[in-house]
Amino acid sequence: SPDGIGTGDFDTSFSWEEGNANVFNWHPVLMVSALVFLYSEAAIAYKWLPIEKKCAKGLHVVIQTLAVIAMSVGLRAVFRFHNEKDPPIDNMYSMHSWVGLTCVVLFSVQYVAGIYHFLAPEGKLPNTDPASKATYLAYHKLIGVILLALCVATSCLGFFEKMAFAGAITPDEATYPDDPLHLAPMYYRLNTIAVIMVLLVTMVALVVSRAPAVSSEGNQLLAT
């Protein structure tokens, strides 16, 4: 059966074997997990959890590192799927791929810049003094929220592309006679995930824009 994620009658198994079409299935799962859900959790962990700043920073970096790893494997999966098809499928041919690669590059730059400014020894390298860190933090937060929204938009483009390839956006009364709209299960599942992602990025934007948490002694627990 055709390959695809969340499709009901479609093959939703995973493989890393050469030439196996199910290699593709790692791509949507890992990319959405990395650039939407782990990305969101990292922001929430740093800004919202009532823990010391140092612990919050460490947790933020660990989650973001997991996101980088998942993103890298997910990106590798889709290129492998395209290149190992017979005949091969062109890479970087769609709006989803163009915007998606932009997200990957920006996320990588944001990750490296964050490590440089906030984990490098203070004052030992250019722009690592407290004033420079405070200035960069405002940009880091703003770019982070914008990039998260762009990652959600990219995921939605990918979902629509997959549904279009599978014919899931076209009513098919013969195949789905019991569905009120005669649409495939993929249509409902991917649209539901899309709505969840939009709600998630909205929540993250609200959390990041909140004032910092303050302890009972009046000490700031989280970085602004």
C-alpha atoms as a PDB file:
ATOM      1  CA  SER A   1       0.000   0.000   0.000  1.00  0.00           C
ATOM      2  CA  PRO A   2       1.153   3.620  -0.455  1.00  0.00           C
ATOM      3  CA  ASP A   3       3.327   5.129   2.222  1.00  0.00           C
ATOM      4  CA  GLY A   4       2.054   7.825   4.553  1.00  0.00           C
ATOM      5  CA  ILE A   5       1.498   8.921   8.127  1.00  0.00           C
ATOM      6  CA  GLY A   6      -1.898   8.939   9.806  1.00  0.00           C
ATOM      7  CA  THR A   7      -3.779   7.644   6.803  1.00  0.00           C
ATOM      8  CA  GLY A   8      -5.976   4.796   7.948  1.00  0.00           C
ATOM      9  CA  ASP A   9      -5.546   2.410   5.015  1.00  0.00           C
ATOM     10  CA  PHE A  10      -2.018   3.585   4.276  1.00  0.00           C
ATOM     11  CA  ASP A  11       1.179   2.021   5.600  1.00  0.00           C
ATOM     12  CA  THR A  12       2.220   3.811   8.786  1.00  0.00           C
ATOM     13  CA  SER A  13       5.163   1.570   9.707  1.00  0.00           C
ATOM     14  CA  PHE A  14       8.769   2.711   9.893  1.00  0.00           C
ATOM     15  CA  SER A  15      11.975   1.448   8.340  1.00  0.00           C
ATOM     16  CA  TRP A  16      15.564   2.539   7.870  1.00  0.00           C
ATOM     17  CA  GLU A  17      16.374  -0.090   5.253  1.00  0.00           C
ATOM     18  CA  GLU A  18      17.771   1.137   1.972  1.00  0.00           C
ATOM     19  CA  GLY A  19      15.098   1.469  -0.706  1.00  0.00           C
ATOM     20  CA  ASN A  20      12.200   0.973   1.720  1.00  0.00           C
ATOM     21  CA  ALA A  21       9.474   3.586   1.152  1.00  0.00           C
ATOM     22  CA  ASN A  22       8.679   3.629   4.871  1.00  0.00           C
ATOM     23  CA  VAL A  23      11.917   5.509   5.483  1.00  0.00           C
ATOM     24  CA  PHE A  24       9.838   8.572   4.606  1.00  0.00           C
ATOM     25  CA  ASN A  25       7.568   8.056   7.606  1.00  0.00           C
ATOM     26  CA  TRP A  26      10.353   9.144   9.927  1.00  0.00           C
ATOM     27  CA  HIS A  27      10.336  12.591   8.305  1.00  0.00           C
ATOM     28  CA  PRO A  28       6.975  14.027   9.424  1.00  0.00           C
ATOM     29  CA  VAL A  29       7.132  12.398  12.860  1.00  0.00           C
ATOM     30  CA  LEU A  30      10.648  13.602  13.677  1.00  0.00           C
ATOM     31  CA  MET A  31      10.362  17.054  12.101  1.00  0.00           C
ATOM     32  CA  VAL A  32       7.086  17.880  13.848  1.00  0.00           C
ATOM     33  CA  SER A  33       8.403  16.419  17.105  1.00  0.00           C
ATOM     34  CA  ALA A  34      11.587  18.497  16.825  1.00  0.00           C
ATOM     35  CA  LEU A  35      10.509  21.825  15.373  1.00  0.00           C
ATOM     36  CA  VAL A  36       7.064  22.072  16.951  1.00  0.00           C
ATOM     37  CA  PHE A  37       6.668  20.004  20.106  1.00  0.00           C
ATOM     38  CA  LEU A  38      10.234  19.827  21.488  1.00  0.00           C
ATOM     39  CA  TYR A  39      10.810  23.441  20.449  1.00  0.00           C
ATOM     40  CA  SER A  40       7.671  24.459  22.358  1.00  0.00           C
ATOM     41  CA  GLU A  41       8.611  22.392  25.408  1.00  0.00           C
ATOM     42  CA  ALA A  42      12.050  24.007  25.501  1.00  0.00           C
ATOM     43  CA  ALA A  43      10.528  27.492  25.534  1.00  0.00           C
ATOM     44  CA  ILE A  44       7.972  26.569  28.191  1.00  0.00           C
ATOM     45  CA  ALA A  45      10.578  24.820  30.366  1.00  0.00           C
ATOM     46  CA  TYR A  46      12.816  27.880  30.361  1.00  0.00           C
ATOM     47  CA  LYS A  47      10.151  30.499  30.890  1.00  0.00           C
ATOM     48  CA  TRP A  48       7.407  28.865  32.939  1.00  0.00           C
ATOM     49  CA  LEU A  49       8.840  26.245  35.295  1.00  0.00           C
ATOM     50  CA  PRO A  50       9.398  27.592  38.847  1.00  0.00           C
ATOM     51  CA  ILE A  51      13.027  26.475  39.051  1.00  0.00           C
ATOM     52  CA  GLU A  52      16.343  28.246  39.345  1.00  0.00           C
ATOM     53  CA  LYS A  53      17.597  30.051  36.269  1.00  0.00           C
ATOM     54  CA  LYS A  54      20.635  27.765  35.894  1.00  0.00           C
ATOM     55  CA  CYS A  55      18.465  24.621  35.939  1.00  0.00           C
ATOM     56  CA  ALA A  56      15.951  26.147  33.547  1.00  0.00           C
ATOM     57  CA  LYS A  57      18.735  27.097  31.159  1.00  0.00           C
ATOM     58  CA  GLY A  58      20.219  23.596  31.270  1.00  0.00           C
ATOM     59  CA  LEU A  59      16.834  21.969  30.637  1.00  0.00           C
ATOM     60  CA  HIS A  60      16.191  24.376  27.760  1.00  0.00           C
ATOM     61  CA  VAL A  61      19.502  23.452  26.115  1.00  0.00           C
ATOM     62  CA  VAL A  62      18.971  19.702  26.594  1.00  0.00           C
ATOM     63  CA  ILE A  63      15.517  19.799  24.981  1.00  0.00           C
ATOM     64  CA  GLN A  64      16.751  21.965  22.119  1.00  0.00           C
ATOM     65  CA  THR A  65      19.658  19.566  21.560  1.00  0.00           C
ATOM     66  CA  LEU A  66      17.211  16.671  21.336  1.00  0.00           C
ATOM     67  CA  ALA A  67      15.284  18.752  18.801  1.00  0.00           C
ATOM     68  CA  VAL A  68      18.439  19.259  16.713  1.00  0.00           C
ATOM     69  CA  ILE A  69      19.108  15.505  16.704  1.00  0.00           C
ATOM     70  CA  ALA A  70      15.518  14.615  15.756  1.00  0.00           C
ATOM     71  CA  MET A  71      15.484  17.331  13.082  1.00  0.00           C
ATOM     72  CA  SER A  72      18.714  16.031  11.547  1.00  0.00           C
ATOM     73  CA  VAL A  73      17.461  12.449  11.339  1.00  0.00           C
ATOM     74  CA  GLY A  74      14.093  13.589   9.963  1.00  0.00           C
ATOM     75  CA  LEU A  75      15.781  15.668   7.281  1.00  0.00           C
ATOM     76  CA  ARG A  76      18.057  12.775   6.381  1.00  0.00           C
ATOM     77  CA  ALA A  77      15.028  10.492   6.061  1.00  0.00           C
ATOM     78  CA  VAL A  78      13.256  12.571   3.422  1.00  0.00           C
ATOM     79  CA  PHE A  79      16.397  13.008   1.298  1.00  0.00           C
ATOM     80  CA  ARG A  80      17.050   9.267   1.505  1.00  0.00           C
ATOM     81  CA  PHE A  81      13.455   8.527   0.507  1.00  0.00           C
ATOM     82  CA  HIS A  82      13.694  10.785  -2.539  1.00  0.00           C
ATOM     83  CA  ASN A  83      17.127   9.593  -3.648  1.00  0.00           C
ATOM     84  CA  GLU A  84      16.432   5.870  -3.186  1.00  0.00           C
ATOM     85  CA  LYS A  85      13.163   5.813  -5.141  1.00  0.00           C
ATOM     86  CA  ASP A  86      13.273   4.208  -8.578  1.00  0.00           C
ATOM     87  CA  PRO A  87      13.314   6.533 -10.406  1.00  0.00           C
ATOM     88  CA  PRO A  88      14.578   9.106  -7.847  1.00  0.00           C
ATOM     89  CA  ILE A  89      12.325  11.963  -6.789  1.00  0.00           C
ATOM     90  CA  ASP A  90      13.647  15.512  -7.158  1.00  0.00           C
ATOM     91  CA  ASN A  91      14.679  17.220  -3.921  1.00  0.00           C
ATOM     92  CA  MET A  92      13.663  20.743  -2.929  1.00  0.00           C
ATOM     93  CA  TYR A  93      10.897  21.056  -5.516  1.00  0.00           C
ATOM     94  CA  SER A  94       8.003  22.371  -3.394  1.00  0.00           C
ATOM     95  CA  MET A  95       7.048  25.334  -1.239  1.00  0.00           C
ATOM     96  CA  HIS A  96       7.108  23.008   1.781  1.00  0.00           C
ATOM     97  CA  SER A  97      10.724  22.054   1.118  1.00  0.00           C
ATOM     98  CA  TRP A  98      11.875  25.638   0.520  1.00  0.00           C
ATOM     99  CA  VAL A  99      10.228  27.052   3.638  1.00  0.00           C
ATOM    100  CA  GLY A 100      11.192  23.942   5.582  1.00  0.00           C
ATOM    101  CA  LEU A 101      14.892  24.274   4.782  1.00  0.00           C
ATOM    102  CA  THR A 102      14.678  27.937   5.778  1.00  0.00           C
ATOM    103  CA  CYS A 103      13.302  26.816   9.150  1.00  0.00           C
ATOM    104  CA  VAL A 104      16.102  24.287   9.571  1.00  0.00           C
ATOM    105  CA  VAL A 105      18.792  26.891   8.827  1.00  0.00           C
ATOM    106  CA  LEU A 106      17.240  29.533  11.089  1.00  0.00           C
ATOM    107  CA  PHE A 107      16.718  27.031  13.904  1.00  0.00           C
ATOM    108  CA  SER A 108      20.363  25.948  13.640  1.00  0.00           C
ATOM    109  CA  VAL A 109      21.576  29.559  13.716  1.00  0.00           C
ATOM    110  CA  GLN A 110      19.303  30.304  16.697  1.00  0.00           C
ATOM    111  CA  TYR A 111      20.646  27.233  18.516  1.00  0.00           C
ATOM    112  CA  VAL A 112      24.319  28.068  17.944  1.00  0.00           C
ATOM    113  CA  ALA A 113      23.812  31.755  18.766  1.00  0.00           C
ATOM    114  CA  GLY A 114      22.030  30.846  21.997  1.00  0.00           C
ATOM    115  CA  ILE A 115      24.848  28.555  23.086  1.00  0.00           C
ATOM    116  CA  TYR A 116      27.420  31.236  22.245  1.00  0.00           C
ATOM    117  CA  HIS A 117      25.700  34.022  24.164  1.00  0.00           C
ATOM    118  CA  PHE A 118      24.402  32.127  27.184  1.00  0.00           C
ATOM    119  CA  LEU A 119      26.757  29.178  27.756  1.00  0.00           C
ATOM    120  CA  ALA A 120      30.120  30.729  26.851  1.00  0.00           C
ATOM    121  CA  PRO A 121      32.122  32.073  29.822  1.00  0.00           C
ATOM    122  CA  GLU A 122      30.832  35.538  30.563  1.00  0.00           C
ATOM    123  CA  GLY A 123      33.052  38.293  29.209  1.00  0.00           C
ATOM    124  CA  LYS A 124      35.607  35.894  27.744  1.00  0.00           C
ATOM    125  CA  LEU A 125      34.338  36.219  24.176  1.00  0.00           C
ATOM    126  CA  PRO A 126      32.959  39.194  22.216  1.00  0.00           C
ATOM    127  CA  ASN A 127      29.345  40.116  23.102  1.00  0.00           C
ATOM    128  CA  THR A 128      29.159  37.798  26.118  1.00  0.00           C
ATOM    129  CA  ASP A 129      29.116  40.550  28.743  1.00  0.00           C
ATOM    130  CA  PRO A 130      25.877  40.977  30.763  1.00  0.00           C
ATOM    131  CA  ALA A 131      24.672  43.990  28.739  1.00  0.00           C
ATOM    132  CA  SER A 132      25.177  42.203  25.415  1.00  0.00           C
ATOM    133  CA  LYS A 133      23.432  39.077  26.724  1.00  0.00           C
ATOM    134  CA  ALA A 134      20.429  41.119  27.860  1.00  0.00           C
ATOM    135  CA  THR A 135      20.226  42.822  24.466  1.00  0.00           C
ATOM    136  CA  TYR A 136      20.496  39.544  22.566  1.00  0.00           C
ATOM    137  CA  LEU A 137      17.942  37.801  24.819  1.00  0.00           C
ATOM    138  CA  ALA A 138      15.164  40.111  23.597  1.00  0.00           C
ATOM    139  CA  TYR A 139      15.963  39.186  19.986  1.00  0.00           C
ATOM    140  CA  HIS A 140      16.359  35.507  20.900  1.00  0.00           C
ATOM    141  CA  LYS A 141      12.864  35.407  22.371  1.00  0.00           C
ATOM    142  CA  LEU A 142      11.250  37.309  19.497  1.00  0.00           C
ATOM    143  CA  ILE A 143      12.978  35.302  16.773  1.00  0.00           C
ATOM    144  CA  GLY A 144      12.175  32.095  18.660  1.00  0.00           C
ATOM    145  CA  VAL A 145       8.428  32.735  18.670  1.00  0.00           C
ATOM    146  CA  ILE A 146       8.401  33.847  15.023  1.00  0.00           C
ATOM    147  CA  LEU A 147      10.432  30.794  14.016  1.00  0.00           C
ATOM    148  CA  LEU A 148       8.111  28.469  15.940  1.00  0.00           C
ATOM    149  CA  ALA A 149       5.134  29.936  14.077  1.00  0.00           C
ATOM    150  CA  LEU A 150       7.002  29.466  10.778  1.00  0.00           C
ATOM    151  CA  CYS A 151       7.729  25.831  11.703  1.00  0.00           C
ATOM    152  CA  VAL A 152       4.017  25.245  12.332  1.00  0.00           C
ATOM    153  CA  ALA A 153       3.165  26.848   8.988  1.00  0.00           C
ATOM    154  CA  THR A 154       5.747  24.636   7.274  1.00  0.00           C
ATOM    155  CA  SER A 155       4.285  21.533   8.905  1.00  0.00           C
ATOM    156  CA  CYS A 156       0.824  22.516   7.685  1.00  0.00           C
ATOM    157  CA  LEU A 157       2.203  22.941   4.155  1.00  0.00           C
ATOM    158  CA  GLY A 158       3.669  19.449   4.405  1.00  0.00           C
ATOM    159  CA  PHE A 159       0.385  18.011   5.638  1.00  0.00           C
ATOM    160  CA  PHE A 160      -1.501  19.612   2.752  1.00  0.00           C
ATOM    161  CA  GLU A 161       1.086  18.373   0.264  1.00  0.00           C
ATOM    162  CA  LYS A 162       0.782  14.827   1.609  1.00  0.00           C
ATOM    163  CA  MET A 163      -3.026  14.948   1.531  1.00  0.00           C
ATOM    164  CA  ALA A 164      -2.935  16.244  -2.042  1.00  0.00           C
ATOM    165  CA  PHE A 165      -0.611  13.422  -3.142  1.00  0.00           C
ATOM    166  CA  ALA A 166      -2.871  10.861  -1.452  1.00  0.00           C
ATOM    167  CA  GLY A 167      -6.087  12.357  -2.847  1.00  0.00           C
ATOM    168  CA  ALA A 168      -7.331  12.931   0.696  1.00  0.00           C
ATOM    169  CA  ILE A 169      -8.657  16.423  -0.005  1.00  0.00           C
ATOM    170  CA  THR A 170     -11.044  15.177  -2.674  1.00  0.00           C
ATOM    171  CA  PRO A 171     -14.361  13.611  -1.579  1.00  0.00           C
ATOM    172  CA  ASP A 172     -14.626   9.956  -2.593  1.00  0.00           C
ATOM    173  CA  GLU A 173     -18.080   8.557  -1.919  1.00  0.00           C
ATOM    174  CA  ALA A 174     -17.214   5.105  -3.294  1.00  0.00           C
ATOM    175  CA  THR A 175     -14.264   4.641  -0.926  1.00  0.00           C
ATOM    176  CA  TYR A 176     -15.666   6.440   2.135  1.00  0.00           C
ATOM    177  CA  PRO A 177     -19.457   6.035   1.912  1.00  0.00           C
ATOM    178  CA  ASP A 178     -19.992   6.270   5.689  1.00  0.00           C
ATOM    179  CA  ASP A 179     -18.148   9.547   6.156  1.00  0.00           C
ATOM    180  CA  PRO A 180     -20.444  12.621   5.980  1.00  0.00           C
ATOM    181  CA  LEU A 181     -17.974  14.436   3.722  1.00  0.00           C
ATOM    182  CA  HIS A 182     -16.669  11.242   2.015  1.00  0.00           C
ATOM    183  CA  LEU A 183     -13.107  12.133   2.985  1.00  0.00           C
ATOM    184  CA  ALA A 184     -10.203   9.920   4.032  1.00  0.00           C
ATOM    185  CA  PRO A 185      -9.191   9.490   7.697  1.00  0.00           C
ATOM    186  CA  MET A 186      -5.932  11.263   6.803  1.00  0.00           C
ATOM    187  CA  TYR A 187      -7.888  14.465   6.188  1.00  0.00           C
ATOM    188  CA  TYR A 188      -9.303  14.577   9.710  1.00  0.00           C
ATOM    189  CA  ARG A 189      -6.172  13.406  11.493  1.00  0.00           C
ATOM    190  CA  LEU A 190      -3.770  15.825   9.877  1.00  0.00           C
ATOM    191  CA  ASN A 191      -6.160  18.751  10.198  1.00  0.00           C
ATOM    192  CA  THR A 192      -6.624  17.929  13.890  1.00  0.00           C
ATOM    193  CA  ILE A 193      -2.856  17.884  14.410  1.00  0.00           C
ATOM    194  CA  ALA A 194      -2.615  21.215  12.592  1.00  0.00           C
ATOM    195  CA  VAL A 195      -5.173  22.814  14.917  1.00  0.00           C
ATOM    196  CA  ILE A 196      -3.316  21.444  17.969  1.00  0.00           C
ATOM    197  CA  MET A 197      -0.057  22.931  16.669  1.00  0.00           C
ATOM    198  CA  VAL A 198      -1.661  26.353  16.161  1.00  0.00           C
ATOM    199  CA  LEU A 199      -3.046  26.286  19.714  1.00  0.00           C
ATOM    200  CA  LEU A 200       0.360  25.218  21.011  1.00  0.00           C
ATOM    201  CA  VAL A 201       2.278  28.040  19.334  1.00  0.00           C
ATOM    202  CA  THR A 202      -0.334  30.505  20.645  1.00  0.00           C
ATOM    203  CA  MET A 203       0.184  29.209  24.191  1.00  0.00           C
ATOM    204  CA  VAL A 204       3.968  29.417  23.837  1.00  0.00           C
ATOM    205  CA  ALA A 205       3.739  33.017  22.604  1.00  0.00           C
ATOM    206  CA  LEU A 206       1.637  33.916  25.649  1.00  0.00           C
ATOM    207  CA  VAL A 207       4.016  32.143  28.038  1.00  0.00           C
ATOM    208  CA  VAL A 208       7.120  33.774  26.565  1.00  0.00           C
ATOM    209  CA  SER A 209       5.515  37.219  26.761  1.00  0.00           C
ATOM    210  CA  ARG A 210       4.667  36.824  30.462  1.00  0.00           C
ATOM    211  CA  ALA A 211       6.574  38.611  33.202  1.00  0.00           C
ATOM    212  CA  PRO A 212       9.277  36.472  34.890  1.00  0.00           C
ATOM    213  CA  ALA A 213       8.339  34.249  37.810  1.00  0.00           C
ATOM    214  CA  VAL A 214       9.208  35.605  41.237  1.00  0.00           C
ATOM    215  CA  SER A 215       9.809  33.604  44.405  1.00  0.00           C
ATOM    216  CA  SER A 216       8.318  34.362  47.817  1.00  0.00           C
ATOM    217  CA  GLU A 217      11.560  36.133  48.766  1.00  0.00           C
ATOM    218  CA  GLY A 218      11.240  38.369  45.731  1.00  0.00           C
ATOM    219  CA  ASN A 219      14.068  36.795  43.787  1.00  0.00           C
ATOM    220  CA  GLN A 220      13.604  36.302  40.089  1.00  0.00           C
ATOM    221  CA  LEU A 221      13.621  32.596  39.287  1.00  0.00           C
ATOM    222  CA  LEU A 222      13.589  32.765  35.524  1.00  0.00           C
ATOM    223  CA  ALA A 223      15.373  34.934  33.054  1.00  0.00           C
ATOM    224  CA  THR A 224      13.273  37.520  31.306  1.00  0.00           C
END
